[in-house]
Structure formats: C-alpha cells, structure tokens
C-alpha cells in the first residue's frame, strides 16, 4: 500500500508541474500587475468553491466578461482549476452555514436523499438544502475574496518581481526612448 501511494505521489509531481506551476510561471513572465493577479486569483478561488458542481467555469467566464481588464482571465481560470478539489469539501459547510443564517431545518445527508436527487425525485427539502448551500456561499464569498486577496498580494509581489522580465508598473518604460528614423527610397 505504501509503495502504491509513493508511486501515485511521484506521478503527481509532473502533472502538478504541467497543470499548475508551468501556467503560473508563464502568467508571471507576461508582466501582469501583482494587484491584478492577487484579485484574479482570489476571484477564481472564490468562484471555484461555488457549491454547485459544474457551474464554476461559467461563473468565472461571466466574471471575466463583466470585469474586463480589472481581472486577469488566465489567472482567474487557473485559480478556479486549483479550487476544484476544495469545492466538494466545502459544500456541507456552506449548507450548514446557510441553515444557520436562514434558521432552516437541518437537512440529513443520507443515501436516500442522494438517491432522490439522482433519480429526479428531489423533494422540497433537497431543493431547500441547495438554496441553503447557496446562501452560505453567498454570505461567505465576500469575506473569502477579501481574505484571499490580502493573503495573496504579498506573494504575487514577490513572484512578479522574481519572474517578470518587465517592470511591474506601466509608468516605467521598458527601454529608454530612442530616435527612430525611416529610410525612404526614391523610386
């Protein structure tokens, strides 16, 4: 069993590098601003933990379309990808938080309820629990976004200064201004 886990862990290294590290380094080398990257990563993770599976990519796309140049699209999508495993682990906490906020009844998570969802016989309680999970996420999302932004901003400042070949401020010229002369040929 230990050998099998070791082989799985060793196999994860190249996958993580290809799917997460390489895209992040590419993003950093393109010279985006640390504030924009921190906001985009926080936004991607916050939307990535939305408690309805399969919807997060569309939410991120909508956010990118609405926010335009305020966010960095590749960073939002990469952060959404990174948040995918976390999404499932937070569905129940969001559900319980939504129940507390609304004062709703405690929904028992049983195999019977799961069967009803899969067979399309969702009862009122199941639909209500989905709304509770959405409410829990909706109330928590601004706090999650702000916390992730505050925590990731110093990290992105360091990473951008380390990996970016260009200055992080658009006010600094990439090269000193030089005179350009055009050569005109007589016909």
Protein backbone atom coordinates (compact mmCIF):
# COMPACT_ATOMS: atom_id res chain seq x y z
CA UNK A 1 0.00 0.00 0.00
CA UNK A 2 2.81 2.41 0.88
CA UNK A 3 4.54 1.68 -2.43
CA UNK A 4 1.34 2.38 -4.33
CA UNK A 5 0.88 5.74 -2.56
CA UNK A 6 4.51 6.59 -3.24
CA UNK A 7 4.07 5.86 -6.97
CA UNK A 8 0.91 7.97 -7.06
CA UNK A 9 2.68 10.86 -5.31
CA UNK A 10 5.63 10.64 -7.71
CA UNK A 11 3.25 10.65 -10.66
CA UNK A 12 1.52 13.76 -9.32
CA UNK A 13 4.74 15.82 -9.47
CA UNK A 14 4.92 16.11 -13.27
CA UNK A 15 1.16 16.57 -13.51
CA UNK A 16 1.16 19.40 -10.94
CA UNK A 17 4.11 21.00 -12.67
CA UNK A 18 2.44 20.82 -16.09
CA UNK A 19 -1.05 21.89 -14.98
CA UNK A 20 -0.29 24.47 -12.27
CA UNK A 21 3.36 25.53 -11.98
CA UNK A 22 4.13 25.99 -15.69
CA UNK A 23 0.97 28.06 -16.37
CA UNK A 24 1.64 30.20 -13.29
CA UNK A 25 5.23 30.89 -14.34
CA UNK A 26 4.01 31.76 -17.85
CA UNK A 27 1.47 34.19 -16.35
CA UNK A 28 4.14 35.79 -14.17
CA UNK A 29 6.56 36.19 -17.09
CA UNK A 30 3.99 38.10 -19.11
CA UNK A 31 4.25 41.06 -16.74
CA UNK A 32 0.84 41.49 -15.10
CA UNK A 33 0.44 43.71 -12.05
CA UNK A 34 0.58 41.98 -8.62
CA UNK A 35 -2.69 43.61 -7.51
CA UNK A 36 -4.49 42.39 -10.61
CA UNK A 37 -3.05 38.88 -10.19
CA UNK A 38 -3.97 38.74 -6.49
CA UNK A 39 -7.51 39.91 -7.20
CA UNK A 40 -7.87 37.47 -10.09
CA UNK A 41 -6.56 34.52 -8.07
CA UNK A 42 -8.84 35.39 -5.14
CA UNK A 43 -11.80 35.75 -7.50
CA UNK A 44 -11.04 32.46 -9.26
CA UNK A 45 -10.83 30.55 -5.99
CA UNK A 46 -13.92 32.23 -4.54
CA UNK A 47 -15.96 31.38 -7.62
CA UNK A 48 -14.27 27.98 -7.81
CA UNK A 49 -15.74 26.94 -4.46
CA UNK A 50 -19.32 27.73 -5.54
CA UNK A 51 -21.35 24.87 -4.04
CA UNK A 52 -22.94 23.66 -7.28
CA UNK A 53 -20.53 21.47 -9.21
CA UNK A 54 -20.03 22.16 -12.90
CA UNK A 55 -21.06 25.81 -12.71
CA UNK A 56 -17.78 27.41 -11.68
CA UNK A 57 -16.27 27.70 -15.16
CA UNK A 58 -19.34 29.57 -16.37
CA UNK A 59 -19.26 31.86 -13.32
CA UNK A 60 -15.59 32.63 -13.97
CA UNK A 61 -16.31 33.32 -17.63
CA UNK A 62 -19.14 35.64 -16.68
CA UNK A 63 -16.92 37.44 -14.15
CA UNK A 64 -14.18 37.86 -16.76
CA UNK A 65 -16.69 39.25 -19.26
CA UNK A 66 -18.17 41.68 -16.74
CA UNK A 67 -14.93 42.83 -15.13
CA UNK A 68 -12.90 43.03 -18.34
CA UNK A 69 -9.44 44.47 -17.78
CA UNK A 70 -9.90 44.62 -14.00
CA UNK A 71 -9.09 40.93 -13.79
CA UNK A 72 -6.55 38.68 -15.49
CA UNK A 73 -8.50 35.95 -17.27
CA UNK A 74 -5.81 33.22 -17.28
CA UNK A 75 -5.23 33.70 -13.55
CA UNK A 76 -8.96 33.51 -12.78
CA UNK A 77 -9.27 30.25 -14.70
CA UNK A 78 -6.10 28.74 -13.20
CA UNK A 79 -7.28 29.60 -9.69
CA UNK A 80 -10.69 28.09 -10.49
CA UNK A 81 -8.93 24.89 -11.58
CA UNK A 82 -6.87 24.83 -8.39
CA UNK A 83 -10.02 25.31 -6.27
CA UNK A 84 -11.84 22.33 -7.77
CA UNK A 85 -10.82 19.80 -5.09
CA UNK A 86 -11.69 22.29 -2.35
CA UNK A 87 -15.16 22.86 -3.82
CA UNK A 88 -16.54 19.47 -2.84
CA UNK A 89 -15.14 19.67 0.66
CA UNK A 90 -16.96 22.97 1.30
CA UNK A 91 -20.45 22.03 0.10
CA UNK A 92 -21.52 20.73 3.52
CA UNK A 93 -20.05 23.65 5.50
CA UNK A 94 -21.86 26.08 3.15
CA UNK A 95 -25.06 24.05 3.58
CA UNK A 96 -24.81 24.15 7.38
CA UNK A 97 -23.89 27.85 7.37
CA UNK A 98 -26.90 28.61 5.15
CA UNK A 99 -29.16 26.65 7.51
CA UNK A 100 -27.90 28.69 10.46
CA UNK A 101 -28.34 32.01 8.63
CA UNK A 102 -31.86 31.23 7.44
CA UNK A 103 -32.93 29.40 10.57
CA UNK A 104 -33.89 26.49 8.35
CA UNK A 105 -34.20 22.90 9.41
CA UNK A 106 -31.17 20.61 9.48
CA UNK A 107 -31.02 18.53 6.29
CA UNK A 108 -29.92 14.94 6.92
CA UNK A 109 -27.37 13.81 4.41
CA UNK A 110 -28.42 10.22 3.82
CA UNK A 111 -28.08 7.82 0.92
CA UNK A 112 -31.87 8.03 0.50
CA UNK A 113 -31.70 11.78 -0.11
CA UNK A 114 -28.86 11.24 -2.58
CA UNK A 115 -30.91 8.62 -4.47
CA UNK A 116 -33.82 11.06 -4.72
CA UNK A 117 -31.52 13.68 -6.23
CA UNK A 118 -30.07 11.22 -8.77
CA UNK A 119 -33.46 9.84 -9.81
CA UNK A 120 -35.04 13.26 -10.20
CA UNK A 121 -37.39 12.77 -7.25
CA UNK A 122 -35.87 15.62 -5.29
CA UNK A 123 -38.11 16.62 -2.50
CA UNK A 124 -38.70 20.12 -1.23
CA UNK A 125 -36.07 19.51 1.46
CA UNK A 126 -33.38 18.71 -1.11
CA UNK A 127 -34.12 21.84 -3.11
CA UNK A 128 -34.21 23.86 0.09
CA UNK A 129 -30.80 22.46 1.07
CA UNK A 130 -29.36 23.63 -2.26
CA UNK A 131 -30.64 27.12 -1.53
CA UNK A 132 -29.13 26.95 1.96
CA UNK A 133 -25.74 26.00 0.49
CA UNK A 134 -26.01 28.87 -1.99
CA UNK A 135 -26.94 31.27 0.79
CA UNK A 136 -23.99 30.09 2.89
CA UNK A 137 -21.60 30.64 -0.04
CA UNK A 138 -23.16 34.00 -0.92
CA UNK A 139 -22.67 35.34 2.60
CA UNK A 140 -19.15 33.89 2.96
CA UNK A 141 -17.89 34.79 -0.54
CA UNK A 142 -17.02 38.48 0.09
CA UNK A 143 -15.05 37.53 3.20
CA UNK A 144 -13.28 34.71 1.36
CA UNK A 145 -12.46 37.02 -1.56
CA UNK A 146 -11.08 39.76 0.70
CA UNK A 147 -9.05 37.34 2.82
CA UNK A 148 -7.55 35.59 -0.20
CA UNK A 149 -6.68 38.95 -1.78
CA UNK A 150 -4.97 40.21 1.37
CA UNK A 151 -3.03 36.96 1.78
CA UNK A 152 -2.02 36.57 -1.87
CA UNK A 153 -0.99 40.16 -2.63
CA UNK A 154 2.42 39.94 -0.89
CA UNK A 155 3.02 36.57 -2.55
CA UNK A 156 2.30 37.94 -6.01
CA UNK A 157 4.50 40.99 -5.37
CA UNK A 158 7.41 38.66 -4.65
CA UNK A 159 6.61 36.30 -7.53
CA UNK A 160 6.20 39.10 -10.08
CA UNK A 161 9.49 40.70 -9.04
CA UNK A 162 11.21 37.33 -9.33
CA UNK A 163 9.75 36.04 -12.60
CA UNK A 164 8.65 39.07 -14.59
CA UNK A 165 11.15 40.26 -17.20
CA UNK A 166 9.38 43.61 -17.45
CA UNK A 167 8.79 46.28 -14.82
CA UNK A 168 5.55 45.78 -12.89
CA UNK A 169 4.41 49.36 -13.42
CA UNK A 170 3.20 50.63 -16.79
CA UNK A 171 4.65 54.04 -15.91
CA UNK A 172 8.20 52.73 -16.26
CA UNK A 173 9.37 52.43 -19.86
CA UNK A 174 10.68 49.07 -20.94
CA UNK A 175 13.60 50.69 -22.77
CA UNK A 176 14.82 54.26 -22.94
CA UNK A 177 13.21 56.28 -25.69
CA UNK A 178 15.32 56.23 -28.82
CA UNK A 179 15.02 58.10 -32.03
CA UNK A 180 13.61 56.16 -34.92
CA UNK A 181 14.43 57.21 -38.47
CA UNK A 182 12.69 55.92 -41.52
CA UNK A 183 14.69 55.26 -44.62
CA UNK A 184 12.81 56.40 -47.69
CA UNK A 185 13.90 55.08 -51.05
CA UNK A 186 13.48 57.17 -54.15
CA UNK A 187 11.58 55.43 -56.89
